Amino acid sequence: MRIAMIGSGYVGLVSGACLADFGHQVVCVDKDAGKIAALGRGTIPIFEPGLDSLVAENVRRGNLSFTTDLAAAVGPADVVFIAVGTPSRRGDGHADLSYVYAAAREIAAAVDGFTVVVTKSTVPVGTGDEVERVIRETNPAADVAVVSNPEFLREGAAISDFKRPDRIVVGLEDERARPVMTEVYRPLYLNQAPLLFTGRRTSELTKYAANAFLAMKITFINEMADLCEKVGADVQEVARGIGLDNRIGSKFLHAGPGYGGSCFPKDTIALAKTAEDYSAPLRLIETTVAVNDHRKRAMARKIIAACGGEVRGKTVALLGLTFKPNTDDMREAPSLSIIQALQDAGARIRAYDPEGMDAAKGLTENVTFCGGPYEAAEGAEALVIVTEWELFRALDFERLKGAMKAPLLVDLRNIYRRDEVRQHGFDYLSIGRG
């Protein structure tokens, strides 16, 4: 099939590359000429494992191309995906849909013959209705079926998630779109991925409900970790004990410094705002947002307490800055709140992250960025693991001890065992482990 992907950011680029790998003819569109030029040279603007080779292979095959010319991509397309950003709107927290509606107007002017227009971006309930209205208002002759097809990609595992999904949700009101969307995802039949057809509004809400539930699950285990510390229990064993119940499951039950990234923070807020608009408040989600925001700075207070209650004039080294490993995404990362709170208390910050430092430099001030974990540890009174990158899982503690001013490890991801660290002469503090 001929597919146009409007938006070549994280969702658009991963989705476009994977669809091209299925054998579809995909054109990725973006207004950023610099990004399109870089993609044409084989330079990927984001870090996602395996994406560079996937893009290169499908460009070589002729299945994937890039352009700034939306009309040229949309005209011959059977399916047009909208995968533009929907950031939180300044002032009220609602999703900013201006990019979605702008894309819809441009698509309306360019469609030629029956075309399925698919909203891939995360959008509030009713957005598909408005996209359809915008298209028909812009071009009354446009023959389109507007569909909702939310993405469920985890940063760091996006290609695997796209090719081996738990489910594919498609919301439609025009039955002509059903066989088209079935054909788009036909290559996944071998993986037996359930293709769930619903109403358009149901599909839109499903995406938000999924992200909100996962955010709530993370926040739940983080609060349980706080209780474990007070009563002398082990949150990892608690998580295993409840996660083995197949009604609950083990995923997203890892205690840490709070959730971040491009989805959970903005989607939970947007869902809560939508619920307010419909006079159906979601108190659990509102509380989840508040608890998570508080937790990030609470982690800084935990670090300060581990340093004897005072960090003014002391050096604290942070390992990991991105909100999770295997990404360069710094959006709403817990490290940002931790850095600010430590600096407010007078600490000097040294930091290292394998992929996120370029982005972090534009979001922080007075941070010394280092070339590796041992350089970051030089002269530090505390070493803090903020993000659980694989290369932090087997640190040389004797080397760290020789570099640091004081041997203190604060492990906010519980990747080490207390006895293992203490046998090297370190003081050790983790999350929810007694």
Protein backbone atom coordinates (compact mmCIF):
# COMPACT_ATOMS: atom_id res chain seq x y z
CA MET A 1 0.00 0.00 0.00
CA ARG A 2 1.00 3.63 -0.46
CA ILE A 3 1.27 5.36 2.90
CA ALA A 4 2.02 8.95 3.87
CA MET A 5 3.23 9.56 7.44
CA ILE A 6 2.71 13.20 8.49
CA GLY A 7 5.27 13.93 11.18
CA SER A 8 8.72 12.37 11.35
CA GLY A 9 9.26 12.53 15.08
CA TYR A 10 9.46 9.53 17.37
CA VAL A 11 6.10 7.94 16.57
CA GLY A 12 6.06 8.87 12.88
CA LEU A 13 9.60 7.72 12.14
CA VAL A 14 9.36 4.42 14.00
CA SER A 15 5.90 3.66 12.57
CA GLY A 16 6.91 4.67 9.05
CA ALA A 17 10.09 2.58 9.11
CA CYS A 18 8.26 -0.48 10.43
CA LEU A 19 5.44 -0.18 7.88
CA ALA A 20 8.06 0.15 5.14
CA ASP A 21 9.75 -2.97 6.49
CA PHE A 22 6.43 -4.81 5.98
CA GLY A 23 6.68 -3.94 2.29
CA HIS A 24 4.45 -0.87 2.12
CA GLN A 25 5.59 2.20 0.19
CA VAL A 26 6.00 4.87 2.87
CA VAL A 27 6.77 8.57 2.57
CA CYS A 28 7.54 10.37 5.85
CA VAL A 29 6.71 14.08 5.81
CA ASP A 30 7.98 16.84 8.08
CA LYS A 31 8.05 20.64 7.92
CA ASP A 32 11.55 20.68 9.42
CA ALA A 33 13.73 20.79 6.31
CA GLY A 34 16.85 20.20 8.36
CA LYS A 35 15.42 16.99 9.82
CA ILE A 36 14.34 15.73 6.40
CA ALA A 37 17.76 16.52 4.93
CA ALA A 38 19.44 14.67 7.81
CA LEU A 39 17.18 11.65 7.35
CA GLY A 40 18.03 11.67 3.66
CA ARG A 41 21.71 11.41 4.64
CA GLY A 42 20.95 8.54 7.01
CA THR A 43 21.22 10.63 10.20
CA ILE A 44 18.54 9.66 12.72
CA PRO A 45 17.41 12.57 14.94
CA ILE A 46 16.46 10.37 17.90
CA PHE A 47 18.09 7.45 19.69
CA GLU A 48 16.11 4.23 19.44
CA PRO A 49 17.91 0.86 19.32
CA GLY A 50 17.85 -0.60 15.82
CA LEU A 51 16.10 2.33 14.16
CA ASP A 52 19.12 3.55 12.20
CA SER A 53 19.65 0.21 10.47
CA LEU A 54 15.91 -0.27 9.88
CA VAL A 55 15.65 3.13 8.19
CA ALA A 56 18.80 2.60 6.13
CA GLU A 57 17.69 -0.83 4.89
CA ASN A 58 14.26 0.36 3.78
CA VAL A 59 15.63 3.48 2.11
CA ARG A 60 17.99 1.16 0.22
CA ARG A 61 15.07 -1.06 -0.81
CA GLY A 62 13.11 1.95 -2.01
CA ASN A 63 10.24 1.40 0.45
CA LEU A 64 10.95 4.48 2.57
CA SER A 65 11.55 8.11 1.60
CA PHE A 66 11.40 11.54 3.19
CA THR A 67 10.04 14.89 2.04
CA THR A 68 8.83 18.31 3.14
CA ASP A 69 6.21 18.29 0.36
CA LEU A 70 3.02 17.11 2.07
CA ALA A 71 0.85 17.43 -1.02
CA ALA A 72 3.16 15.26 -3.11
CA ALA A 73 3.09 12.54 -0.43
CA VAL A 74 -0.65 12.67 0.29
CA GLY A 75 -1.98 12.82 -3.29
CA PRO A 76 -1.18 9.23 -4.33
CA ALA A 77 -1.53 7.73 -0.81
CA ASP A 78 -4.11 5.11 0.12
CA VAL A 79 -3.62 5.85 3.80
CA VAL A 80 -2.41 9.03 5.50
CA PHE A 81 -1.25 8.82 9.11
CA ILE A 82 -1.18 11.92 11.31
CA ALA A 83 1.72 11.50 13.76
CA VAL A 84 2.42 15.06 14.87
CA GLY A 85 3.05 16.24 18.42
CA THR A 86 0.26 16.86 20.94
CA PRO A 87 2.10 18.56 23.82
CA SER A 88 0.40 19.89 26.92
CA ARG A 89 -1.14 23.26 26.24
CA ARG A 90 0.37 26.06 28.26
CA GLY A 91 -1.82 27.32 31.04
CA ASP A 92 -4.44 24.58 31.36
CA GLY A 93 -2.79 21.19 30.68
CA HIS A 94 -5.14 20.18 27.85
CA ALA A 95 -3.56 18.54 24.81
CA ASP A 96 -2.50 21.10 22.20
CA LEU A 97 -4.16 19.89 19.00
CA SER A 98 -3.08 22.76 16.77
CA TYR A 99 -0.57 20.58 14.88
CA VAL A 100 -3.19 17.88 14.31
CA TYR A 101 -5.74 20.31 12.88
CA ALA A 102 -3.12 22.07 10.76
CA ALA A 103 -2.15 18.70 9.28
CA ALA A 104 -5.83 17.89 8.65
CA ARG A 105 -6.30 21.11 6.68
CA GLU A 106 -3.24 20.42 4.52
CA ILE A 107 -4.33 16.83 3.95
CA ALA A 108 -7.80 18.00 2.91
CA ALA A 109 -6.31 20.16 0.19
CA ALA A 110 -4.12 17.35 -1.15
CA VAL A 111 -6.22 14.14 -1.07
CA ASP A 112 -7.09 12.60 -4.41
CA GLY A 113 -9.77 9.90 -4.41
CA PHE A 114 -10.88 7.81 -1.44
CA THR A 115 -8.30 8.07 1.34
CA VAL A 116 -8.20 6.75 4.89
CA VAL A 117 -6.89 9.42 7.27
CA VAL A 118 -5.54 7.87 10.47
CA THR A 119 -4.83 9.73 13.69
CA LYS A 120 -1.75 8.07 15.20
CA SER A 121 -1.02 10.93 17.60
CA THR A 122 -2.38 10.64 21.14
CA VAL A 123 -5.50 12.81 21.12
CA PRO A 124 -8.45 13.39 23.47
CA VAL A 125 -11.89 11.93 22.91
CA GLY A 126 -13.69 13.62 20.06
CA THR A 127 -10.60 14.70 18.14
CA GLY A 128 -11.42 12.38 15.24
CA ASP A 129 -14.81 14.06 14.91
CA GLU A 130 -13.12 17.44 14.69
CA VAL A 131 -10.49 16.21 12.22
CA GLU A 132 -13.28 14.98 9.97
CA ARG A 133 -15.12 18.31 10.31
CA VAL A 134 -11.94 20.27 9.48
CA ILE A 135 -11.25 18.17 6.38
CA ARG A 136 -14.80 18.48 5.06
CA GLU A 137 -14.91 22.19 5.82
CA THR A 138 -11.61 22.74 4.00
CA ASN A 139 -12.52 20.54 1.04
CA PRO A 140 -16.20 19.51 0.83
CA ALA A 141 -15.38 17.17 -2.05
CA ALA A 142 -12.79 15.19 -0.06
CA ASP A 143 -13.64 11.49 0.03
CA VAL A 144 -12.11 10.38 3.31
CA ALA A 145 -12.68 8.03 6.22
CA VAL A 146 -11.16 9.31 9.46
CA VAL A 147 -9.80 6.60 11.75
CA SER A 148 -8.21 6.46 15.21
CA ASN A 149 -5.23 4.09 15.54
CA PRO A 150 -3.29 4.93 18.72
CA GLU A 151 0.31 3.84 19.20
CA PHE A 152 1.48 1.77 22.15
CA LEU A 153 5.24 2.07 21.74
CA ARG A 154 7.71 2.03 24.60
CA GLU A 155 10.79 4.14 24.05
CA GLY A 156 13.80 1.83 23.93
CA ALA A 157 11.69 -1.08 22.64
CA ALA A 158 9.58 0.66 19.99
CA ILE A 159 10.46 -1.49 16.98
CA SER A 160 9.70 -4.71 18.83
CA ASP A 161 6.47 -3.20 20.17
CA PHE A 162 5.36 -2.21 16.68
CA LYS A 163 6.19 -5.55 15.09
CA ARG A 164 5.03 -7.76 17.96
CA PRO A 165 2.18 -5.79 19.56
CA ASP A 166 -0.14 -7.01 22.29
CA ARG A 167 -3.00 -5.55 20.27
CA ILE A 168 -3.80 -3.11 17.47
CA VAL A 169 -6.70 -0.79 18.22
CA VAL A 170 -8.57 0.78 15.29
CA GLY A 171 -11.51 3.10 15.87
CA LEU A 172 -13.73 3.88 12.90
CA GLU A 173 -17.17 5.18 11.97
CA ASP A 174 -16.93 4.52 8.22
CA GLU A 175 -16.87 0.79 7.40
CA ARG A 176 -14.96 1.46 4.17
CA ALA A 177 -11.87 1.92 6.34
CA ARG A 178 -12.03 -1.57 7.86
CA PRO A 179 -10.57 -3.55 4.91
CA VAL A 180 -7.97 -0.82 4.32
CA MET A 181 -6.70 -0.92 7.91
CA THR A 182 -6.83 -4.72 7.86
CA GLU A 183 -4.51 -4.66 4.84
CA VAL A 184 -2.14 -2.18 6.50
CA TYR A 185 -1.61 -4.57 9.40
CA ARG A 186 -1.96 -7.84 7.48
CA PRO A 187 1.79 -8.63 7.87
CA LEU A 188 1.22 -8.92 11.63
CA TYR A 189 -1.26 -11.77 11.27
CA LEU A 190 1.62 -14.25 11.52
CA ASN A 191 2.33 -12.84 14.99
CA GLN A 192 -1.37 -13.33 15.86
CA ALA A 193 -1.65 -9.75 17.05
CA PRO A 194 -5.31 -9.06 17.91
CA LEU A 195 -6.81 -6.40 15.63
CA LEU A 196 -9.49 -4.74 17.74
CA PHE A 197 -12.03 -2.65 15.84
CA THR A 198 -14.01 -0.19 17.95
CA GLY A 199 -15.80 3.11 17.64
CA ARG A 200 -13.52 6.10 17.07
CA ARG A 201 -14.13 7.70 20.48
CA THR A 202 -13.59 4.37 22.23
CA SER A 203 -10.22 4.01 20.50
CA GLU A 204 -9.16 7.53 21.50
CA LEU A 205 -10.06 6.92 25.12
CA THR A 206 -8.39 3.48 25.17
CA LYS A 207 -4.99 5.05 24.59
CA TYR A 208 -5.35 7.49 27.47
CA ALA A 209 -6.82 4.85 29.76
CA ALA A 210 -3.90 2.51 29.10
CA ASN A 211 -1.25 5.14 29.84
CA ALA A 212 -3.08 6.41 32.91
CA PHE A 213 -3.42 2.90 34.32
CA LEU A 214 0.29 2.19 33.84
CA ALA A 215 1.23 5.52 35.41
CA MET A 216 -1.02 4.67 38.35
CA LYS A 217 0.64 1.25 38.68
CA ILE A 218 4.09 2.86 38.85
CA THR A 219 2.89 5.38 41.41
CA PHE A 220 1.30 2.63 43.49
CA ILE A 221 4.52 0.64 43.82
CA ASN A 222 6.46 3.82 44.57
CA GLU A 223 4.14 4.58 47.49
CA MET A 224 4.43 0.97 48.63
CA ALA A 225 8.21 1.45 48.56
CA ASP A 226 7.87 4.33 51.02
CA LEU A 227 5.83 2.14 53.35
CA CYS A 228 8.34 -0.70 53.01
CA GLU A 229 11.10 1.59 54.21
CA LYS A 230 9.08 2.50 57.30
CA VAL A 231 8.11 -1.05 58.28
CA GLY A 232 11.28 -2.92 57.26
CA ALA A 233 9.87 -4.75 54.23
CA ASP A 234 11.40 -5.23 50.78
CA VAL A 235 9.48 -3.61 47.93
CA GLN A 236 11.08 -5.86 45.31
CA GLU A 237 9.75 -8.93 47.07
CA VAL A 238 6.36 -7.26 47.55
CA ALA A 239 6.29 -6.46 43.82
CA ARG A 240 7.17 -10.04 42.95
CA GLY A 241 4.56 -11.36 45.37
CA ILE A 242 1.76 -9.34 43.83
CA GLY A 243 3.09 -9.47 40.26
CA LEU A 244 2.86 -13.26 40.15
CA ASP A 245 -0.91 -12.81 40.40
CA ASN A 246 -1.87 -12.84 36.71
CA ARG A 247 -4.67 -10.39 37.43
CA ILE A 248 -1.96 -7.84 38.31
CA GLY A 249 1.16 -8.84 36.35
CA SER A 250 4.78 -7.97 37.02
CA LYS A 251 5.32 -5.14 34.53
CA PHE A 252 5.51 -1.54 35.75
CA LEU A 253 6.02 -2.64 39.35
CA HIS A 254 9.60 -1.40 39.71
CA ALA A 255 10.01 1.22 42.39
CA GLY A 256 12.01 4.29 41.45
CA PRO A 257 12.13 8.08 41.34
CA GLY A 258 8.83 8.53 39.47
CA TYR A 259 7.68 8.33 35.87
CA GLY A 260 8.63 10.78 33.13
CA GLY A 261 8.92 10.86 29.36
CA SER A 262 6.78 12.10 26.52
CA CYS A 263 3.60 10.16 27.33
CA PHE A 264 2.66 9.49 30.92
CA PRO A 265 3.04 13.04 32.32
CA LYS A 266 1.11 14.83 29.58
CA ASP A 267 -1.43 12.06 28.97
CA THR A 268 -2.47 11.71 32.61
CA ILE A 269 -2.98 15.47 32.85
CA ALA A 270 -4.87 15.63 29.54
CA LEU A 271 -7.14 12.75 30.60
CA ALA A 272 -7.89 14.41 33.92
CA LYS A 273 -8.71 17.67 32.12
CA THR A 274 -11.01 15.88 29.68
CA ALA A 275 -12.79 14.20 32.58
CA GLU A 276 -13.28 17.60 34.22
CA ASP A 277 -14.81 18.96 31.02
CA TYR A 278 -17.33 16.12 31.00
CA SER A 279 -18.08 16.43 34.75
CA ALA A 280 -16.71 12.94 35.37
CA PRO A 281 -13.61 13.64 37.50
CA LEU A 282 -10.94 10.94 37.70
CA ARG A 283 -9.72 11.29 41.28
CA LEU A 284 -7.29 8.38 41.07
CA ILE A 285 -5.56 9.94 38.06
CA GLU A 286 -5.47 13.39 39.65
CA THR A 287 -3.83 11.89 42.73
CA THR A 288 -1.38 9.90 40.59
CA VAL A 289 -0.20 13.11 38.93
CA ALA A 290 0.22 14.90 42.26
CA VAL A 291 2.05 12.00 43.94
CA ASN A 292 4.44 11.58 41.02
CA ASP A 293 5.29 15.28 40.91
CA HIS A 294 6.02 15.25 44.64
CA ARG A 295 8.13 12.10 44.43
CA LYS A 296 10.77 13.55 42.13
CA ARG A 297 11.82 16.24 44.59
CA ALA A 298 11.40 13.76 47.44
CA MET A 299 14.22 11.75 45.85
CA ALA A 300 16.48 14.79 46.19
CA ARG A 301 15.58 15.01 49.88
CA LYS A 302 16.46 11.33 50.20
CA ILE A 303 19.89 12.02 48.70
CA ILE A 304 20.40 15.00 51.01
CA ALA A 305 19.47 12.88 54.05
CA ALA A 306 21.97 10.20 52.95
CA CYS A 307 24.64 12.92 52.88
CA GLY A 308 24.01 13.72 56.53
CA GLY A 309 21.26 16.22 55.94
CA GLU A 310 23.47 18.83 54.25
CA VAL A 311 24.84 19.07 50.70
CA ARG A 312 25.83 22.73 50.52
CA GLY A 313 29.27 22.86 48.98
CA LYS A 314 29.29 19.11 48.36
CA THR A 315 29.56 17.35 44.99
CA VAL A 316 26.87 14.88 43.99
CA ALA A 317 27.40 12.69 40.90
CA LEU A 318 24.39 11.47 38.93
CA LEU A 319 24.53 8.40 36.69
CA GLY A 320 21.71 8.47 34.15
CA LEU A 321 19.66 11.50 33.15
CA THR A 322 17.05 10.27 30.66
CA PHE A 323 13.67 9.22 32.05
CA LYS A 324 14.47 5.58 31.17
CA PRO A 325 17.35 3.66 29.55
CA ASN A 326 17.77 3.11 25.79
CA THR A 327 16.48 6.55 24.85
CA ASP A 328 17.79 10.11 24.64
CA ASP A 329 14.46 11.52 25.85
CA MET A 330 14.79 14.04 28.68
CA ARG A 331 11.15 15.13 28.73
CA GLU A 332 9.83 15.24 32.31
CA ALA A 333 12.81 13.13 33.44
CA PRO A 334 13.04 12.76 37.25
CA SER A 335 16.71 13.78 37.01
CA LEU A 336 15.69 17.35 36.14
CA SER A 337 13.73 17.81 39.37
CA ILE A 338 16.44 16.05 41.37
CA ILE A 339 19.18 18.27 39.93
CA GLN A 340 17.20 21.45 40.60
CA ALA A 341 16.39 20.45 44.18
CA LEU A 342 20.00 19.50 44.93
CA GLN A 343 21.24 22.78 43.44
CA ASP A 344 18.65 24.67 45.48
CA ALA A 345 20.23 23.02 48.54
CA GLY A 346 23.70 24.18 47.46
CA ALA A 347 25.13 21.01 45.88
CA ARG A 348 27.50 20.90 42.92
CA ILE A 349 26.37 18.43 40.25
CA ARG A 350 28.44 16.17 38.03
CA ALA A 351 26.58 13.87 35.64
CA TYR A 352 26.92 11.24 32.96
CA ASP A 353 24.39 9.66 30.60
CA PRO A 354 25.21 7.57 27.50
CA GLU A 355 22.66 9.31 25.25
CA GLY A 356 20.89 12.14 27.06
CA MET A 357 23.57 14.72 27.82
CA ASP A 358 23.10 16.84 24.71
CA ALA A 359 19.41 17.28 25.51
CA ALA A 360 20.15 17.76 29.22
CA LYS A 361 22.56 20.62 28.51
CA GLY A 362 19.67 22.67 27.18
CA LEU A 363 17.50 21.93 30.22
CA THR A 364 19.94 22.45 33.10
CA GLU A 365 22.47 24.99 34.30
CA ASN A 366 25.76 24.69 36.18
CA VAL A 367 26.04 20.93 35.68
CA THR A 368 29.41 19.38 34.86
CA PHE A 369 28.81 16.76 32.18
CA CYS A 370 31.37 13.96 32.14
CA GLY A 371 32.69 11.35 29.75
CA GLY A 372 31.84 8.29 31.83
CA PRO A 373 30.73 7.08 35.26
CA TYR A 374 34.21 7.14 36.79
CA GLU A 375 34.89 10.67 35.61
CA ALA A 376 31.55 11.74 37.07
CA ALA A 377 32.48 10.17 40.41
CA GLU A 378 35.72 12.14 40.80
CA GLY A 379 35.64 14.10 44.03
CA ALA A 380 31.98 13.30 44.73
CA GLU A 381 30.56 12.86 48.20
CA ALA A 382 27.66 10.83 46.79
CA LEU A 383 27.05 8.79 43.65
CA VAL A 384 23.40 8.47 42.60
CA ILE A 385 21.99 5.99 40.07
CA VAL A 386 19.00 7.75 38.52
CA THR A 387 18.52 5.76 35.30
CA GLU A 388 19.20 2.02 35.06
CA TRP A 389 21.37 1.91 31.95
CA GLU A 390 23.00 -1.50 31.45
CA LEU A 391 26.53 -0.10 31.74
CA PHE A 392 25.82 0.93 35.35
CA ARG A 393 24.99 -2.63 36.43
CA ALA A 394 28.58 -3.84 36.88
CA LEU A 395 30.52 -0.83 38.16
CA ASP A 396 34.05 -1.25 39.50
CA PHE A 397 33.51 -0.21 43.12
CA GLU A 398 37.19 -0.17 44.01
CA ARG A 399 37.79 2.27 41.16
CA LEU A 400 34.82 4.36 42.24
CA LYS A 401 36.01 4.39 45.83
CA GLY A 402 39.41 5.63 44.74
CA ALA A 403 37.82 8.47 42.74
CA MET A 404 35.23 9.62 45.26
CA LYS A 405 35.69 11.87 48.25
CA ALA A 406 33.25 9.73 50.26
CA PRO A 407 32.03 6.20 49.39
CA LEU A 408 28.24 6.66 49.29
CA LEU A 409 25.95 5.08 46.67
CA VAL A 410 22.29 6.08 46.45
CA ASP A 411 20.60 3.57 44.16
CA LEU A 412 17.23 4.96 43.02
CA ARG A 413 16.64 1.96 40.73
CA ASN A 414 17.56 -0.93 43.08
CA ILE A 415 19.98 -2.49 40.62
CA TYR A 416 22.47 -3.57 43.33
CA ARG A 417 22.29 -5.68 46.46
CA ARG A 418 23.12 -4.02 49.74
CA ASP A 419 25.67 -6.63 50.87
CA GLU A 420 27.40 -6.55 47.47
CA VAL A 421 28.01 -2.81 47.72
CA ARG A 422 28.85 -2.66 51.40
CA GLN A 423 31.57 -5.28 51.12
CA HIS A 424 33.50 -2.71 49.09
CA GLY A 425 33.29 -0.23 51.96
CA PHE A 426 30.40 1.85 50.60
CA ASP A 427 27.44 3.22 52.43
CA TYR A 428 24.40 2.20 50.42
CA LEU A 429 20.85 3.46 50.20
CA SER A 430 18.15 2.10 47.89
CA ILE A 431 14.38 2.41 47.39
CA GLY A 432 11.87 0.54 49.56
CA ARG A 433 14.25 -2.04 50.98
CA GLY A 434 14.03 -1.67 54.72
